[in-house]
Amino acid sequence: MGAQGDKWRQHRRAFELARAHNCSLKEAEAQLRRDAMMIALRKSRAAENERRARYGLAPIEEPKAAPHEPFDTPWMMRN
C-alpha cells in the first residue's frame, strides 16, 4: 500500500492516542510529532557522543606566523 498505508497508520496512531488521553486529534498529532522529534534528537546526540568517544576532540593549535615573516614586523605596527 506504500505511502498511503503509512498515512493511514499514522492517522490511526494519532486517533488512538487522542482517544486514550481524551484530547483532540490535532493535539495528538502534535504530540506524535514532538515525540518523533525527541527520538531523532536523542539518536543524533548518541551518534555525536559515540563519535567523540571514538575520536576525541580536535586539538586546538596556537596561531602561527607565516614562515617568511613574523607577526611583529614594522609594517604591521599601526599606532
N, C-alpha and C. Protein backbone atom coordinates (compact mmCIF):
# COMPACT_ATOMS: atom_id res chain seq x y z
N MET A 1 0.82 -1.18 0.00
CA MET A 1 0.00 0.00 0.00
C MET A 1 0.87 1.25 0.00
N GLY A 2 2.08 1.13 0.51
CA GLY A 2 3.07 2.20 0.36
C GLY A 2 2.77 3.43 1.19
N ALA A 3 2.91 4.60 0.57
CA ALA A 3 2.79 5.87 1.27
C ALA A 3 1.38 6.07 1.83
N GLN A 4 0.38 5.63 1.09
CA GLN A 4 -0.99 5.77 1.57
C GLN A 4 -1.20 4.95 2.84
N GLY A 5 -0.63 3.74 2.87
CA GLY A 5 -0.73 2.92 4.07
C GLY A 5 -0.04 3.55 5.26
N ASP A 6 1.12 4.16 5.03
CA ASP A 6 1.83 4.85 6.11
C ASP A 6 1.00 6.01 6.65
N LYS A 7 0.33 6.71 5.75
CA LYS A 7 -0.51 7.83 6.16
C LYS A 7 -1.65 7.35 7.06
N TRP A 8 -2.30 6.25 6.68
CA TRP A 8 -3.41 5.74 7.49
C TRP A 8 -2.92 5.15 8.81
N ARG A 9 -1.75 4.52 8.82
CA ARG A 9 -1.21 4.01 10.08
C ARG A 9 -0.89 5.15 11.04
N GLN A 10 -0.34 6.23 10.51
CA GLN A 10 -0.04 7.41 11.33
C GLN A 10 -1.33 8.01 11.87
N HIS A 11 -2.36 8.06 11.04
CA HIS A 11 -3.65 8.60 11.47
C HIS A 11 -4.25 7.72 12.58
N ARG A 12 -4.11 6.42 12.42
CA ARG A 12 -4.66 5.51 13.44
C ARG A 12 -3.93 5.69 14.77
N ARG A 13 -2.58 5.83 14.73
CA ARG A 13 -1.82 6.06 15.96
C ARG A 13 -2.29 7.35 16.64
N ALA A 14 -2.48 8.41 15.85
CA ALA A 14 -2.94 9.68 16.42
C ALA A 14 -4.35 9.54 16.99
N PHE A 15 -5.21 8.84 16.28
CA PHE A 15 -6.58 8.65 16.76
C PHE A 15 -6.61 7.88 18.07
N GLU A 16 -5.83 6.81 18.16
CA GLU A 16 -5.81 6.02 19.39
C GLU A 16 -5.21 6.81 20.55
N LEU A 17 -4.18 7.62 20.26
CA LEU A 17 -3.60 8.47 21.31
C LEU A 17 -4.62 9.49 21.79
N ALA A 18 -5.35 10.09 20.86
CA ALA A 18 -6.37 11.09 21.22
C ALA A 18 -7.48 10.45 22.06
N ARG A 19 -7.87 9.27 21.68
CA ARG A 19 -8.92 8.58 22.42
C ARG A 19 -8.44 8.18 23.82
N ALA A 20 -7.18 7.72 23.92
CA ALA A 20 -6.65 7.29 25.20
C ALA A 20 -6.47 8.45 26.18
N HIS A 21 -6.08 9.61 25.65
CA HIS A 21 -5.79 10.76 26.53
C HIS A 21 -6.90 11.79 26.53
N ASN A 22 -7.99 11.49 25.84
CA ASN A 22 -9.16 12.37 25.80
C ASN A 22 -8.78 13.77 25.34
N CYS A 23 -8.09 13.84 24.21
CA CYS A 23 -7.71 15.13 23.64
C CYS A 23 -8.13 15.14 22.16
N SER A 24 -7.91 16.27 21.51
CA SER A 24 -8.31 16.37 20.10
C SER A 24 -7.31 15.64 19.22
N LEU A 25 -7.73 15.39 17.99
CA LEU A 25 -6.86 14.70 17.04
C LEU A 25 -5.64 15.55 16.70
N LYS A 26 -5.84 16.86 16.58
CA LYS A 26 -4.70 17.76 16.27
C LYS A 26 -3.69 17.77 17.41
N GLU A 27 -4.15 17.76 18.63
CA GLU A 27 -3.23 17.71 19.77
C GLU A 27 -2.46 16.40 19.79
N ALA A 28 -3.13 15.31 19.46
CA ALA A 28 -2.45 14.02 19.43
C ALA A 28 -1.41 13.97 18.32
N GLU A 29 -1.74 14.53 17.14
CA GLU A 29 -0.77 14.57 16.04
C GLU A 29 0.44 15.42 16.42
N ALA A 30 0.19 16.54 17.09
CA ALA A 30 1.31 17.40 17.52
C ALA A 30 2.18 16.66 18.53
N GLN A 31 1.56 15.91 19.43
CA GLN A 31 2.34 15.14 20.41
C GLN A 31 3.18 14.08 19.72
N LEU A 32 2.61 13.40 18.73
CA LEU A 32 3.38 12.39 17.99
C LEU A 32 4.56 13.02 17.26
N ARG A 33 4.36 14.23 16.70
CA ARG A 33 5.47 14.92 16.03
C ARG A 33 6.56 15.28 17.03
N ARG A 34 6.16 15.78 18.22
CA ARG A 34 7.15 16.11 19.25
C ARG A 34 7.90 14.87 19.70
N ASP A 35 7.19 13.76 19.87
CA ASP A 35 7.85 12.52 20.26
C ASP A 35 8.85 12.07 19.21
N ALA A 36 8.47 12.15 17.93
CA ALA A 36 9.38 11.75 16.85
C ALA A 36 10.60 12.67 16.81
N MET A 37 10.38 13.96 17.07
CA MET A 37 11.50 14.90 17.08
C MET A 37 12.45 14.62 18.23
N MET A 38 11.91 14.29 19.39
CA MET A 38 12.75 13.96 20.54
C MET A 38 13.55 12.68 20.31
N ILE A 39 12.93 11.69 19.68
CA ILE A 39 13.64 10.45 19.37
C ILE A 39 14.79 10.72 18.41
N ALA A 40 14.52 11.53 17.38
CA ALA A 40 15.57 11.87 16.42
C ALA A 40 16.70 12.65 17.09
N LEU A 41 16.35 13.55 18.00
CA LEU A 41 17.36 14.33 18.72
C LEU A 41 18.22 13.43 19.60
N ARG A 42 17.59 12.48 20.29
CA ARG A 42 18.35 11.55 21.12
C ARG A 42 19.30 10.69 20.29
N LYS A 43 18.82 10.26 19.12
CA LYS A 43 19.68 9.44 18.24
C LYS A 43 20.87 10.25 17.75
N SER A 44 20.64 11.51 17.37
CA SER A 44 21.75 12.32 16.88
C SER A 44 22.74 12.63 17.99
N ARG A 45 22.24 12.86 19.21
CA ARG A 45 23.15 13.10 20.34
C ARG A 45 23.95 11.85 20.67
N ALA A 46 23.30 10.69 20.59
CA ALA A 46 24.02 9.44 20.86
C ALA A 46 25.10 9.22 19.81
N ALA A 47 24.80 9.51 18.55
CA ALA A 47 25.80 9.35 17.49
C ALA A 47 26.96 10.32 17.70
N GLU A 48 26.65 11.56 18.10
CA GLU A 48 27.70 12.54 18.35
C GLU A 48 28.56 12.12 19.54
N ASN A 49 27.94 11.62 20.60
CA ASN A 49 28.71 11.16 21.76
C ASN A 49 29.59 9.97 21.40
N GLU A 50 29.07 9.08 20.56
CA GLU A 50 29.88 7.95 20.12
C GLU A 50 31.08 8.41 19.29
N ARG A 51 30.84 9.39 18.41
CA ARG A 51 31.93 9.92 17.60
C ARG A 51 32.99 10.57 18.48
N ARG A 52 32.55 11.34 19.48
CA ARG A 52 33.51 12.00 20.37
C ARG A 52 34.28 10.98 21.19
N ALA A 53 33.61 9.92 21.63
CA ALA A 53 34.29 8.88 22.40
C ALA A 53 35.32 8.15 21.55
N ARG A 54 35.01 7.96 20.29
CA ARG A 54 35.91 7.23 19.41
C ARG A 54 37.11 8.08 18.99
N TYR A 55 36.84 9.32 18.57
CA TYR A 55 37.91 10.14 18.00
C TYR A 55 38.40 11.24 18.92
N GLY A 56 37.64 11.63 19.90
CA GLY A 56 38.03 12.71 20.79
C GLY A 56 37.85 14.06 20.11
N LEU A 57 38.16 15.09 20.85
CA LEU A 57 38.05 16.43 20.30
C LEU A 57 39.32 16.78 19.54
N ALA A 58 39.18 17.60 18.53
CA ALA A 58 40.34 18.03 17.76
C ALA A 58 41.20 18.96 18.61
N PRO A 59 42.51 18.78 18.59
CA PRO A 59 43.36 19.67 19.39
C PRO A 59 43.35 21.09 18.81
N ILE A 60 43.42 22.06 19.70
CA ILE A 60 43.44 23.46 19.27
C ILE A 60 44.90 23.90 19.23
N GLU A 61 45.33 24.35 18.10
CA GLU A 61 46.72 24.78 17.93
C GLU A 61 46.80 26.29 18.03
N GLU A 62 47.93 26.77 18.52
CA GLU A 62 48.16 28.21 18.58
C GLU A 62 48.35 28.74 17.16
N PRO A 63 47.90 29.96 16.90
CA PRO A 63 48.12 30.52 15.57
C PRO A 63 49.61 30.72 15.32
N LYS A 64 50.02 30.46 14.12
CA LYS A 64 51.43 30.58 13.77
C LYS A 64 51.60 31.65 12.71
N ALA A 65 52.76 32.29 12.75
CA ALA A 65 53.08 33.30 11.75
C ALA A 65 53.47 32.59 10.46
N ALA A 66 53.37 33.33 9.39
CA ALA A 66 53.82 32.78 8.11
C ALA A 66 55.31 32.51 8.21
N PRO A 67 55.83 31.49 7.56
CA PRO A 67 57.24 31.14 7.72
C PRO A 67 58.21 32.20 7.21
N HIS A 68 57.75 33.09 6.33
CA HIS A 68 58.67 34.07 5.77
C HIS A 68 58.75 35.37 6.54
N GLU A 69 57.78 35.68 7.44
CA GLU A 69 57.89 36.89 8.26
C GLU A 69 57.08 36.73 9.55
N PRO A 70 57.56 37.27 10.64
CA PRO A 70 56.85 37.16 11.92
C PRO A 70 55.69 38.15 12.01
N PHE A 71 54.88 37.98 13.04
CA PHE A 71 53.73 38.86 13.23
C PHE A 71 54.12 40.28 13.62
N ASP A 72 55.28 40.46 14.20
CA ASP A 72 55.64 41.78 14.71
C ASP A 72 56.56 42.56 13.77
N THR A 73 56.40 42.41 12.50
CA THR A 73 57.22 43.19 11.56
C THR A 73 56.79 44.64 11.61
N PRO A 74 57.71 45.57 11.34
CA PRO A 74 57.38 47.02 11.48
C PRO A 74 56.22 47.47 10.60
N TRP A 75 56.05 46.93 9.42
CA TRP A 75 54.98 47.43 8.56
C TRP A 75 53.60 47.00 9.08
N MET A 76 53.57 46.04 9.99
CA MET A 76 52.29 45.64 10.57
C MET A 76 51.91 46.50 11.77
N MET A 77 52.88 47.25 12.34
CA MET A 77 52.60 48.06 13.51
C MET A 77 51.90 49.35 13.10
N ARG A 78 50.72 49.56 13.65
CA ARG A 78 49.98 50.78 13.37
C ARG A 78 49.69 51.44 14.72
N ASN A 79 50.13 52.67 14.88
CA ASN A 79 49.89 53.41 16.12
C ASN A 79 48.94 54.54 15.87
